[in-house]
Amino acid sequence: MNLLKNEPIQPFFDKLDELECKTKHLKLAKDKLITYLKNSEDFMKKGLIVGSGVMESANMDVIPKKMKLSGQRWSIDGANQIANLRVCYKSDKHDFIVFLIKNFKKAG
């Protein structure tokens, strides 16, 4: 649905509420969905993802691929720094990575 892009969120909830449910099971599922989305309304207004699947996928892709290579050992500080760089890289924040590197060199 494109109702959430650059539009108020209430029409989206109105459309969901208008959906006809022919069985009690579907009605309960619809009500559960609406409750879940209403509880996540602040996140949706900010354009944030409300499902957990994206985060679960990121946990499997962003960190382990870089930090679990054969023979690697990490201190807590080193792991945190690499994890932050990896998140920036996977988020296409390459300019921010360059900024961090340049400022780290100046501070050191």
PDB file of N, CA and C in Angstrom:
ATOM      1  N   MET A   1       0.830  -1.189   0.000  1.00  0.00           N
ATOM      2  CA  MET A   1       0.000   0.000   0.000  1.00  0.00           C
ATOM      3  C   MET A   1       0.870   1.246   0.000  1.00  0.00           C
ATOM      4  N   ASN A   2       0.516   2.195  -0.797  1.00  0.00           N
ATOM      5  CA  ASN A   2       1.252   3.447  -0.843  1.00  0.00           C
ATOM      6  C   ASN A   2       0.655   4.491   0.088  1.00  0.00           C
ATOM      7  N   LEU A   3      -0.319   4.114   0.895  1.00  0.00           N
ATOM      8  CA  LEU A   3      -0.952   5.081   1.787  1.00  0.00           C
ATOM      9  C   LEU A   3       0.006   5.633   2.832  1.00  0.00           C
ATOM     10  N   LEU A   4       1.075   4.924   3.130  1.00  0.00           N
ATOM     11  CA  LEU A   4       1.986   5.351   4.184  1.00  0.00           C
ATOM     12  C   LEU A   4       3.062   6.307   3.697  1.00  0.00           C
ATOM     13  N   LYS A   5       3.270   6.394   2.400  1.00  0.00           N
ATOM     14  CA  LYS A   5       4.314   7.255   1.873  1.00  0.00           C
ATOM     15  C   LYS A   5       3.813   8.687   1.768  1.00  0.00           C
ATOM     16  N   ASN A   6       4.404   9.550   2.572  1.00  0.00           N
ATOM     17  CA  ASN A   6       4.104  10.988   2.542  1.00  0.00           C
ATOM     18  C   ASN A   6       2.635  11.316   2.776  1.00  0.00           C
ATOM     19  N   GLU A   7       1.943  10.497   3.473  1.00  0.00           N
ATOM     20  CA  GLU A   7       0.526  10.720   3.760  1.00  0.00           C
ATOM     21  C   GLU A   7       0.277  10.516   5.246  1.00  0.00           C
ATOM     22  N   PRO A   8      -0.814  11.078   5.766  1.00  0.00           N
ATOM     23  CA  PRO A   8      -1.177  10.780   7.156  1.00  0.00           C
ATOM     24  C   PRO A   8      -1.435   9.284   7.313  1.00  0.00           C
ATOM     25  N   ILE A   9      -1.184   8.777   8.489  1.00  0.00           N
ATOM     26  CA  ILE A   9      -1.284   7.338   8.702  1.00  0.00           C
ATOM     27  C   ILE A   9      -2.715   6.866   8.963  1.00  0.00           C
ATOM     28  N   GLN A  10      -3.588   7.760   9.401  1.00  0.00           N
ATOM     29  CA  GLN A  10      -4.956   7.361   9.748  1.00  0.00           C
ATOM     30  C   GLN A  10      -5.728   6.750   8.576  1.00  0.00           C
ATOM     31  N   PRO A  11      -5.614   7.266   7.351  1.00  0.00           N
ATOM     32  CA  PRO A  11      -6.321   6.610   6.239  1.00  0.00           C
ATOM     33  C   PRO A  11      -5.907   5.152   6.048  1.00  0.00           C
ATOM     34  N   PHE A  12      -4.667   4.834   6.356  1.00  0.00           N
ATOM     35  CA  PHE A  12      -4.206   3.455   6.295  1.00  0.00           C
ATOM     36  C   PHE A  12      -4.979   2.594   7.290  1.00  0.00           C
ATOM     37  N   PHE A  13      -5.104   3.088   8.523  1.00  0.00           N
ATOM     38  CA  PHE A  13      -5.859   2.342   9.528  1.00  0.00           C
ATOM     39  C   PHE A  13      -7.338   2.246   9.156  1.00  0.00           C
ATOM     40  N   ASP A  14      -7.876   3.299   8.553  1.00  0.00           N
ATOM     41  CA  ASP A  14      -9.279   3.273   8.113  1.00  0.00           C
ATOM     42  C   ASP A  14      -9.488   2.179   7.066  1.00  0.00           C
ATOM     43  N   LYS A  15      -8.558   2.079   6.115  1.00  0.00           N
ATOM     44  CA  LYS A  15      -8.669   1.050   5.075  1.00  0.00           C
ATOM     45  C   LYS A  15      -8.576  -0.353   5.686  1.00  0.00           C
ATOM     46  N   LEU A  16      -7.675  -0.525   6.628  1.00  0.00           N
ATOM     47  CA  LEU A  16      -7.575  -1.826   7.298  1.00  0.00           C
ATOM     48  C   LEU A  16      -8.874  -2.161   8.024  1.00  0.00           C
ATOM     49  N   ASP A  17      -9.422  -1.181   8.704  1.00  0.00           N
ATOM     50  CA  ASP A  17     -10.648  -1.397   9.471  1.00  0.00           C
ATOM     51  C   ASP A  17     -11.828  -1.751   8.560  1.00  0.00           C
ATOM     52  N   GLU A  18     -11.823  -1.235   7.325  1.00  0.00           N
ATOM     53  CA  GLU A  18     -12.907  -1.491   6.377  1.00  0.00           C
ATOM     54  C   GLU A  18     -12.848  -2.896   5.774  1.00  0.00           C
ATOM     55  N   LEU A  19     -11.714  -3.563   5.877  1.00  0.00           N
ATOM     56  CA  LEU A  19     -11.590  -4.896   5.296  1.00  0.00           C
ATOM     57  C   LEU A  19     -12.608  -5.841   5.924  1.00  0.00           C
ATOM     58  N   GLU A  20     -13.342  -6.541   5.052  1.00  0.00           N
ATOM     59  CA  GLU A  20     -14.365  -7.476   5.523  1.00  0.00           C
ATOM     60  C   GLU A  20     -13.714  -8.799   5.905  1.00  0.00           C
ATOM     61  N   CYS A  21     -14.118  -9.321   7.044  1.00  0.00           N
ATOM     62  CA  CYS A  21     -13.627 -10.611   7.515  1.00  0.00           C
ATOM     63  C   CYS A  21     -14.815 -11.554   7.621  1.00  0.00           C
ATOM     64  N   LYS A  22     -14.745 -12.638   6.872  1.00  0.00           N
ATOM     65  CA  LYS A  22     -15.880 -13.565   6.812  1.00  0.00           C
ATOM     66  C   LYS A  22     -15.874 -14.590   7.941  1.00  0.00           C
ATOM     67  N   THR A  23     -14.739 -14.709   8.611  1.00  0.00           N
ATOM     68  CA  THR A  23     -14.696 -15.670   9.714  1.00  0.00           C
ATOM     69  C   THR A  23     -14.192 -14.985  10.976  1.00  0.00           C
ATOM     70  N   LYS A  24     -14.495 -15.602  12.109  1.00  0.00           N
ATOM     71  CA  LYS A  24     -14.039 -15.062  13.385  1.00  0.00           C
ATOM     72  C   LYS A  24     -12.509 -15.074  13.445  1.00  0.00           C
ATOM     73  N   HIS A  25     -11.915 -16.124  12.887  1.00  0.00           N
ATOM     74  CA  HIS A  25     -10.456 -16.245  12.866  1.00  0.00           C
ATOM     75  C   HIS A  25      -9.821 -15.067  12.112  1.00  0.00           C
ATOM     76  N   LEU A  26     -10.351 -14.718  10.960  1.00  0.00           N
ATOM     77  CA  LEU A  26      -9.829 -13.585  10.185  1.00  0.00           C
ATOM     78  C   LEU A  26     -10.036 -12.268  10.924  1.00  0.00           C
ATOM     79  N   LYS A  27     -11.165 -12.127  11.578  1.00  0.00           N
ATOM     80  CA  LYS A  27     -11.448 -10.903  12.343  1.00  0.00           C
ATOM     81  C   LYS A  27     -10.434 -10.749  13.474  1.00  0.00           C
ATOM     82  N   LEU A  28     -10.140 -11.840  14.170  1.00  0.00           N
ATOM     83  CA  LEU A  28      -9.150 -11.789  15.252  1.00  0.00           C
ATOM     84  C   LEU A  28      -7.756 -11.455  14.710  1.00  0.00           C
ATOM     85  N   ALA A  29      -7.409 -12.040  13.563  1.00  0.00           N
ATOM     86  CA  ALA A  29      -6.113 -11.768  12.945  1.00  0.00           C
ATOM     87  C   ALA A  29      -6.012 -10.303  12.525  1.00  0.00           C
ATOM     88  N   LYS A  30      -7.093  -9.774  11.948  1.00  0.00           N
ATOM     89  CA  LYS A  30      -7.099  -8.367  11.534  1.00  0.00           C
ATOM     90  C   LYS A  30      -6.968  -7.454  12.750  1.00  0.00           C
ATOM     91  N   ASP A  31      -7.698  -7.746  13.798  1.00  0.00           N
ATOM     92  CA  ASP A  31      -7.629  -6.938  15.020  1.00  0.00           C
ATOM     93  C   ASP A  31      -6.224  -6.971  15.628  1.00  0.00           C
ATOM     94  N   LYS A  32      -5.606  -8.148  15.592  1.00  0.00           N
ATOM     95  CA  LYS A  32      -4.246  -8.294  16.116  1.00  0.00           C
ATOM     96  C   LYS A  32      -3.265  -7.456  15.285  1.00  0.00           C
ATOM     97  N   LEU A  33      -3.417  -7.490  13.964  1.00  0.00           N
ATOM     98  CA  LEU A  33      -2.567  -6.696  13.078  1.00  0.00           C
ATOM     99  C   LEU A  33      -2.740  -5.203  13.351  1.00  0.00           C
ATOM    100  N   ILE A  34      -3.981  -4.760  13.458  1.00  0.00           N
ATOM    101  CA  ILE A  34      -4.247  -3.336  13.705  1.00  0.00           C
ATOM    102  C   ILE A  34      -3.638  -2.909  15.038  1.00  0.00           C
ATOM    103  N   THR A  35      -3.781  -3.734  16.060  1.00  0.00           N
ATOM    104  CA  THR A  35      -3.194  -3.416  17.371  1.00  0.00           C
ATOM    105  C   THR A  35      -1.675  -3.316  17.269  1.00  0.00           C
ATOM    106  N   TYR A  36      -1.070  -4.275  16.582  1.00  0.00           N
ATOM    107  CA  TYR A  36       0.385  -4.265  16.402  1.00  0.00           C
ATOM    108  C   TYR A  36       0.833  -2.991  15.688  1.00  0.00           C
ATOM    109  N   LEU A  37       0.141  -2.648  14.608  1.00  0.00           N
ATOM    110  CA  LEU A  37       0.526  -1.467  13.839  1.00  0.00           C
ATOM    111  C   LEU A  37       0.263  -0.176  14.601  1.00  0.00           C
ATOM    112  N   LYS A  38      -0.823  -0.115  15.339  1.00  0.00           N
ATOM    113  CA  LYS A  38      -1.100   1.091  16.139  1.00  0.00           C
ATOM    114  C   LYS A  38      -0.050   1.269  17.225  1.00  0.00           C
ATOM    115  N   ASN A  39       0.409   0.162  17.806  1.00  0.00           N
ATOM    116  CA  ASN A  39       1.480   0.244  18.794  1.00  0.00           C
ATOM    117  C   ASN A  39       2.791   0.693  18.164  1.00  0.00           C
ATOM    118  N   SER A  40       2.929   0.490  16.866  1.00  0.00           N
ATOM    119  CA  SER A  40       4.140   0.866  16.133  1.00  0.00           C
ATOM    120  C   SER A  40       3.962   2.161  15.345  1.00  0.00           C
ATOM    121  N   GLU A  41       2.877   2.848  15.583  1.00  0.00           N
ATOM    122  CA  GLU A  41       2.534   4.035  14.792  1.00  0.00           C
ATOM    123  C   GLU A  41       3.624   5.099  14.812  1.00  0.00           C
ATOM    124  N   ASP A  42       4.227   5.352  15.967  1.00  0.00           N
ATOM    125  CA  ASP A  42       5.280   6.367  16.036  1.00  0.00           C
ATOM    126  C   ASP A  42       6.464   6.005  15.149  1.00  0.00           C
ATOM    127  N   PHE A  43       6.805   4.720  15.118  1.00  0.00           N
ATOM    128  CA  PHE A  43       7.905   4.278  14.255  1.00  0.00           C
ATOM    129  C   PHE A  43       7.542   4.450  12.784  1.00  0.00           C
ATOM    130  N   MET A  44       6.309   4.096  12.434  1.00  0.00           N
ATOM    131  CA  MET A  44       5.877   4.194  11.037  1.00  0.00           C
ATOM    132  C   MET A  44       5.848   5.647  10.585  1.00  0.00           C
ATOM    133  N   LYS A  45       5.440   6.558  11.456  1.00  0.00           N
ATOM    134  CA  LYS A  45       5.412   7.983  11.103  1.00  0.00           C
ATOM    135  C   LYS A  45       6.809   8.502  10.796  1.00  0.00           C
ATOM    136  N   LYS A  46       7.805   7.911  11.432  1.00  0.00           N
ATOM    137  CA  LYS A  46       9.194   8.313  11.207  1.00  0.00           C
ATOM    138  C   LYS A  46       9.817   7.577  10.026  1.00  0.00           C
ATOM    139  N   GLY A  47       9.049   6.681   9.397  1.00  0.00           N
ATOM    140  CA  GLY A  47       9.557   5.930   8.261  1.00  0.00           C
ATOM    141  C   GLY A  47      10.432   4.753   8.656  1.00  0.00           C
ATOM    142  N   LEU A  48      10.333   4.340   9.926  1.00  0.00           N
ATOM    143  CA  LEU A  48      11.137   3.221  10.406  1.00  0.00           C
ATOM    144  C   LEU A  48      10.423   1.899  10.169  1.00  0.00           C
ATOM    145  N   ILE A  49      11.188   0.841  10.118  1.00  0.00           N
ATOM    146  CA  ILE A  49      10.653  -0.504   9.903  1.00  0.00           C
ATOM    147  C   ILE A  49      10.082  -1.024  11.214  1.00  0.00           C
ATOM    148  N   VAL A  50       8.889  -1.631  11.152  1.00  0.00           N
ATOM    149  CA  VAL A  50       8.251  -2.122  12.367  1.00  0.00           C
ATOM    150  C   VAL A  50       8.358  -3.635  12.525  1.00  0.00           C
ATOM    151  N   GLY A  51       8.756  -4.345  11.510  1.00  0.00           N
ATOM    152  CA  GLY A  51       8.878  -5.800  11.604  1.00  0.00           C
ATOM    153  C   GLY A  51      10.242  -6.201  12.134  1.00  0.00           C
ATOM    154  N   SER A  52      10.332  -7.365  12.725  1.00  0.00           N
ATOM    155  CA  SER A  52      11.606  -7.824  13.283  1.00  0.00           C
ATOM    156  C   SER A  52      12.446  -8.585  12.256  1.00  0.00           C
ATOM    157  N   GLY A  53      11.851  -8.982  11.152  1.00  0.00           N
ATOM    158  CA  GLY A  53      12.571  -9.773  10.159  1.00  0.00           C
ATOM    159  C   GLY A  53      13.793  -9.072   9.599  1.00  0.00           C
ATOM    160  N   VAL A  54      13.706  -7.783   9.384  1.00  0.00           N
ATOM    161  CA  VAL A  54      14.834  -7.027   8.834  1.00  0.00           C
ATOM    162  C   VAL A  54      15.997  -7.038   9.821  1.00  0.00           C
ATOM    163  N   MET A  55      15.698  -6.836  11.094  1.00  0.00           N
ATOM    164  CA  MET A  55      16.756  -6.834  12.105  1.00  0.00           C
ATOM    165  C   MET A  55      17.371  -8.226  12.248  1.00  0.00           C
ATOM    166  N   GLU A  56      16.538  -9.248  12.214  1.00  0.00           N
ATOM    167  CA  GLU A  56      17.059 -10.605  12.318  1.00  0.00           C
ATOM    168  C   GLU A  56      17.976 -10.921  11.134  1.00  0.00           C
ATOM    169  N   SER A  57      17.577 -10.482   9.960  1.00  0.00           N
ATOM    170  CA  SER A  57      18.394 -10.692   8.775  1.00  0.00           C
ATOM    171  C   SER A  57      19.714  -9.925   8.881  1.00  0.00           C
ATOM    172  N   ALA A  58      19.627  -8.691   9.348  1.00  0.00           N
ATOM    173  CA  ALA A  58      20.839  -7.882   9.508  1.00  0.00           C
ATOM    174  C   ALA A  58      21.794  -8.521  10.507  1.00  0.00           C
ATOM    175  N   ASN A  59      21.248  -9.085  11.574  1.00  0.00           N
ATOM    176  CA  ASN A  59      22.103  -9.743  12.559  1.00  0.00           C
ATOM    177  C   ASN A  59      22.865 -10.914  11.959  1.00  0.00           C
ATOM    178  N   MET A  60      22.294 -11.531  10.943  1.00  0.00           N
ATOM    179  CA  MET A  60      22.960 -12.656  10.294  1.00  0.00           C
ATOM    180  C   MET A  60      23.930 -12.190   9.201  1.00  0.00           C
ATOM    181  N   ASP A  61      23.738 -10.993   8.669  1.00  0.00           N
ATOM    182  CA  ASP A  61      24.534 -10.527   7.543  1.00  0.00           C
ATOM    183  C   ASP A  61      25.579  -9.492   7.939  1.00  0.00           C
ATOM    184  N   VAL A  62      25.195  -8.513   8.705  1.00  0.00           N
ATOM    185  CA  VAL A  62      26.064  -7.359   8.942  1.00  0.00           C
ATOM    186  C   VAL A  62      27.280  -7.727   9.770  1.00  0.00           C
ATOM    187  N   ILE A  63      27.081  -8.350  10.885  1.00  0.00           N
ATOM    188  CA  ILE A  63      28.193  -8.590  11.806  1.00  0.00           C
ATOM    189  C   ILE A  63      28.940  -9.900  11.527  1.00  0.00           C
ATOM    190  N   PRO A  64      28.271 -11.047  11.493  1.00  0.00           N
ATOM    191  CA  PRO A  64      29.024 -12.304  11.391  1.00  0.00           C
ATOM    192  C   PRO A  64      29.932 -12.421  10.169  1.00  0.00           C
ATOM    193  N   LYS A  65      29.516 -11.887   9.039  1.00  0.00           N
ATOM    194  CA  LYS A  65      30.331 -12.065   7.828  1.00  0.00           C
ATOM    195  C   LYS A  65      31.700 -11.411   7.973  1.00  0.00           C
ATOM    196  N   LYS A  66      31.783 -10.351   8.718  1.00  0.00           N
ATOM    197  CA  LYS A  66      33.071  -9.663   8.886  1.00  0.00           C
ATOM    198  C   LYS A  66      33.813 -10.151  10.120  1.00  0.00           C
ATOM    199  N   MET A  67      33.098 -10.472  11.171  1.00  0.00           N
ATOM    200  CA  MET A  67      33.750 -10.717  12.446  1.00  0.00           C
ATOM    201  C   MET A  67      33.992 -12.188  12.757  1.00  0.00           C
ATOM    202  N   LYS A  68      33.437 -13.080  11.972  1.00  0.00           N
ATOM    203  CA  LYS A  68      33.605 -14.501  12.260  1.00  0.00           C
ATOM    204  C   LYS A  68      34.449 -15.212  11.217  1.00  0.00           C
ATOM    205  N   LEU A  69      35.362 -14.475  10.618  1.00  0.00           N
ATOM    206  CA  LEU A  69      36.259 -15.097   9.657  1.00  0.00           C
ATOM    207  C   LEU A  69      37.265 -15.970  10.392  1.00  0.00           C
ATOM    208  N   SER A  70      37.791 -16.931   9.718  1.00  0.00           N
ATOM    209  CA  SER A  70      38.701 -17.906  10.311  1.00  0.00           C
ATOM    210  C   SER A  70      39.894 -17.229  10.972  1.00  0.00           C
ATOM    211  N   GLY A  71      40.147 -17.607  12.218  1.00  0.00           N
ATOM    212  CA  GLY A  71      41.332 -17.146  12.932  1.00  0.00           C
ATOM    213  C   GLY A  71      41.226 -15.773  13.562  1.00  0.00           C
ATOM    214  N   GLN A  72      40.110 -15.097  13.453  1.00  0.00           N
ATOM    215  CA  GLN A  72      40.000 -13.753  14.012  1.00  0.00           C
ATOM    216  C   GLN A  72      39.652 -13.810  15.489  1.00  0.00           C
ATOM    217  N   ARG A  73      40.279 -12.908  16.240  1.00  0.00           N
ATOM    218  CA  ARG A  73      39.983 -12.737  17.656  1.00  0.00           C
ATOM    219  C   ARG A  73      39.778 -11.245  17.884  1.00  0.00           C
ATOM    220  N   TRP A  74      38.783 -10.891  18.696  1.00  0.00           N
ATOM    221  CA  TRP A  74      38.446  -9.487  18.884  1.00  0.00           C
ATOM    222  C   TRP A  74      38.374  -9.145  20.367  1.00  0.00           C
ATOM    223  N   SER A  75      38.931  -7.989  20.715  1.00  0.00           N
ATOM    224  CA  SER A  75      38.669  -7.435  22.044  1.00  0.00           C
ATOM    225  C   SER A  75      37.270  -6.825  21.989  1.00  0.00           C
ATOM    226  N   ILE A  76      36.709  -6.506  23.134  1.00  0.00           N
ATOM    227  CA  ILE A  76      35.383  -5.878  23.163  1.00  0.00           C
ATOM    228  C   ILE A  76      35.414  -4.545  22.414  1.00  0.00           C
ATOM    229  N   ASP A  77      36.430  -3.709  22.693  1.00  0.00           N
ATOM    230  CA  ASP A  77      36.529  -2.403  22.014  1.00  0.00           C
ATOM    231  C   ASP A  77      36.721  -2.561  20.512  1.00  0.00           C
ATOM    232  N   GLY A  78      37.601  -3.476  20.119  1.00  0.00           N
ATOM    233  CA  GLY A  78      37.840  -3.702  18.693  1.00  0.00           C
ATOM    234  C   GLY A  78      36.599  -4.220  17.992  1.00  0.00           C
ATOM    235  N   ALA A  79      35.875  -5.146  18.640  1.00  0.00           N
ATOM    236  CA  ALA A  79      34.645  -5.686  18.051  1.00  0.00           C
ATOM    237  C   ALA A  79      33.600  -4.597  17.883  1.00  0.00           C
ATOM    238  N   ASN A  80      33.473  -3.731  18.889  1.00  0.00           N
ATOM    239  CA  ASN A  80      32.505  -2.630  18.786  1.00  0.00           C
ATOM    240  C   ASN A  80      32.861  -1.687  17.640  1.00  0.00           C
ATOM    241  N   GLN A  81      34.137  -1.384  17.490  1.00  0.00           N
ATOM    242  CA  GLN A  81      34.554  -0.478  16.424  1.00  0.00           C
ATOM    243  C   GLN A  81      34.312  -1.094  15.045  1.00  0.00           C
ATOM    244  N   ILE A  82      34.667  -2.352  14.879  1.00  0.00           N
ATOM    245  CA  ILE A  82      34.439  -3.023  13.592  1.00  0.00           C
ATOM    246  C   ILE A  82      32.943  -3.141  13.314  1.00  0.00           C
ATOM    247  N   ALA A  83      32.153  -3.445  14.343  1.00  0.00           N
ATOM    248  CA  ALA A  83      30.703  -3.551  14.158  1.00  0.00           C
ATOM    249  C   ALA A  83      30.120  -2.218  13.704  1.00  0.00           C
ATOM    250  N   ASN A  84      30.567  -1.118  14.307  1.00  0.00           N
ATOM    251  CA  ASN A  84      30.073   0.207  13.898  1.00  0.00           C
ATOM    252  C   ASN A  84      30.452   0.526  12.456  1.00  0.00           C
ATOM    253  N   LEU A  85      31.690   0.224  12.077  1.00  0.00           N
ATOM    254  CA  LEU A  85      32.111   0.451  10.695  1.00  0.00           C
ATOM    255  C   LEU A  85      31.313  -0.410   9.722  1.00  0.00           C
ATOM    256  N   ARG A  86      31.069  -1.653  10.101  1.00  0.00           N
ATOM    257  CA  ARG A  86      30.322  -2.574   9.226  1.00  0.00           C
ATOM    258  C   ARG A  86      28.884  -2.086   9.032  1.00  0.00           C
ATOM    259  N   VAL A  87      28.263  -1.598  10.098  1.00  0.00           N
ATOM    260  CA  VAL A  87      26.898  -1.072   9.992  1.00  0.00           C
ATOM    261  C   VAL A  87      26.877   0.134   9.060  1.00  0.00           C
ATOM    262  N   CYS A  88      27.845   1.023   9.203  1.00  0.00           N
ATOM    263  CA  CYS A  88      27.919   2.186   8.299  1.00  0.00           C
ATOM    264  C   CYS A  88      28.097   1.733   6.859  1.00  0.00           C
ATOM    265  N   TYR A  89      28.980   0.777   6.642  1.00  0.00           N
ATOM    266  CA  TYR A  89      29.231   0.283   5.290  1.00  0.00           C
ATOM    267  C   TYR A  89      27.968  -0.333   4.683  1.00  0.00           C
ATOM    268  N   LYS A  90      27.298  -1.201   5.436  1.00  0.00           N
ATOM    269  CA  LYS A  90      26.102  -1.874   4.925  1.00  0.00           C
ATOM    270  C   LYS A  90      24.933  -0.903   4.758  1.00  0.00           C
ATOM    271  N   SER A  91      25.004   0.259   5.415  1.00  0.00           N
ATOM    272  CA  SER A  91      23.950   1.266   5.303  1.00  0.00           C
ATOM    273  C   SER A  91      24.274   2.297   4.227  1.00  0.00           C
ATOM    274  N   ASP A  92      25.290   2.028   3.422  1.00  0.00           N
ATOM    275  CA  ASP A  92      25.743   2.959   2.378  1.00  0.00           C
ATOM    276  C   ASP A  92      26.128   4.321   2.944  1.00  0.00           C
ATOM    277  N   LYS A  93      26.728   4.314   4.099  1.00  0.00           N
ATOM    278  CA  LYS A  93      27.200   5.549   4.737  1.00  0.00           C
ATOM    279  C   LYS A  93      28.716   5.671   4.550  1.00  0.00           C
ATOM    280  N   HIS A  94      29.173   5.479   3.316  1.00  0.00           N
ATOM    281  CA  HIS A  94      30.604   5.481   3.034  1.00  0.00           C
ATOM    282  C   HIS A  94      31.250   6.811   3.394  1.00  0.00           C
ATOM    283  N   ASP A  95      30.561   7.915   3.161  1.00  0.00           N
ATOM    284  CA  ASP A  95      31.111   9.230   3.497  1.00  0.00           C
ATOM    285  C   ASP A  95      31.356   9.350   4.993  1.00  0.00           C
ATOM    286  N   PHE A  96      30.464   8.773   5.781  1.00  0.00           N
ATOM    287  CA  PHE A  96      30.623   8.827   7.234  1.00  0.00           C
ATOM    288  C   PHE A  96      31.826   8.003   7.677  1.00  0.00           C
ATOM    289  N   ILE A  97      32.078   6.883   7.006  1.00  0.00           N
ATOM    290  CA  ILE A  97      33.242   6.061   7.331  1.00  0.00           C
ATOM    291  C   ILE A  97      34.521   6.850   7.061  1.00  0.00           C
ATOM    292  N   VAL A  98      34.576   7.527   5.915  1.00  0.00           N
ATOM    293  CA  VAL A  98      35.743   8.341   5.581  1.00  0.00           C
ATOM    294  C   VAL A  98      35.915   9.450   6.621  1.00  0.00           C
ATOM    295  N   PHE A  99      34.813  10.083   7.010  1.00  0.00           N
ATOM    296  CA  PHE A  99      34.848  11.126   8.041  1.00  0.00           C
ATOM    297  C   PHE A  99      35.431  10.582   9.346  1.00  0.00           C
ATOM    298  N   LEU A 100      34.972   9.406   9.766  1.00  0.00           N
ATOM    299  CA  LEU A 100      35.472   8.804  11.004  1.00  0.00           C
ATOM    300  C   LEU A 100      36.964   8.506  10.916  1.00  0.00           C
ATOM    301  N   ILE A 101      37.383   7.970   9.786  1.00  0.00           N
ATOM    302  CA  ILE A 101      38.793   7.623   9.619  1.00  0.00           C
ATOM    303  C   ILE A 101      39.664   8.868   9.649  1.00  0.00           C
ATOM    304  N   LYS A 102      39.252   9.910   8.929  1.00  0.00           N
ATOM    305  CA  LYS A 102      40.011  11.149   8.907  1.00  0.00           C
ATOM    306  C   LYS A 102      40.093  11.773  10.301  1.00  0.00           C
ATOM    307  N   ASN A 103      38.993  11.780  11.023  1.00  0.00           N
ATOM    308  CA  ASN A 103      38.993  12.382  12.354  1.00  0.00           C
ATOM    309  C   ASN A 103      39.730  11.521  13.368  1.00  0.00           C
ATOM    310  N   PHE A 104      39.730  10.209  13.174  1.00  0.00           N
ATOM    311  CA  PHE A 104      40.490   9.331  14.062  1.00  0.00           C
ATOM    312  C   PHE A 104      41.976   9.604  13.895  1.00  0.00           C
ATOM    313  N   LYS A 105      42.409   9.787  12.648  1.00  0.00           N
ATOM    314  CA  LYS A 105      43.824  10.069  12.393  1.00  0.00           C
ATOM    315  C   LYS A 105      44.234  11.388  13.038  1.00  0.00           C
ATOM    316  N   LYS A 106      43.353  12.409  12.971  1.00  0.00           N
ATOM    317  CA  LYS A 106      43.648  13.715  13.571  1.00  0.00           C
ATOM    318  C   LYS A 106      43.728  13.616  15.089  1.00  0.00           C
ATOM    319  N   ALA A 107      42.849  12.803  15.682  1.00  0.00           N
ATOM    320  CA  ALA A 107      42.806  12.690  17.135  1.00  0.00           C
ATOM    321  C   ALA A 107      44.000  11.901  17.674  1.00  0.00           C
ATOM    322  N   GLY A 108      44.546  10.998  16.852  1.00  0.00           N
ATOM    323  CA  GLY A 108      45.624  10.110  17.303  1.00  0.00           C
ATOM    324  C   GLY A 108      46.954  10.684  17.261  1.00  0.00           C
TER     325      GLY A 108
END
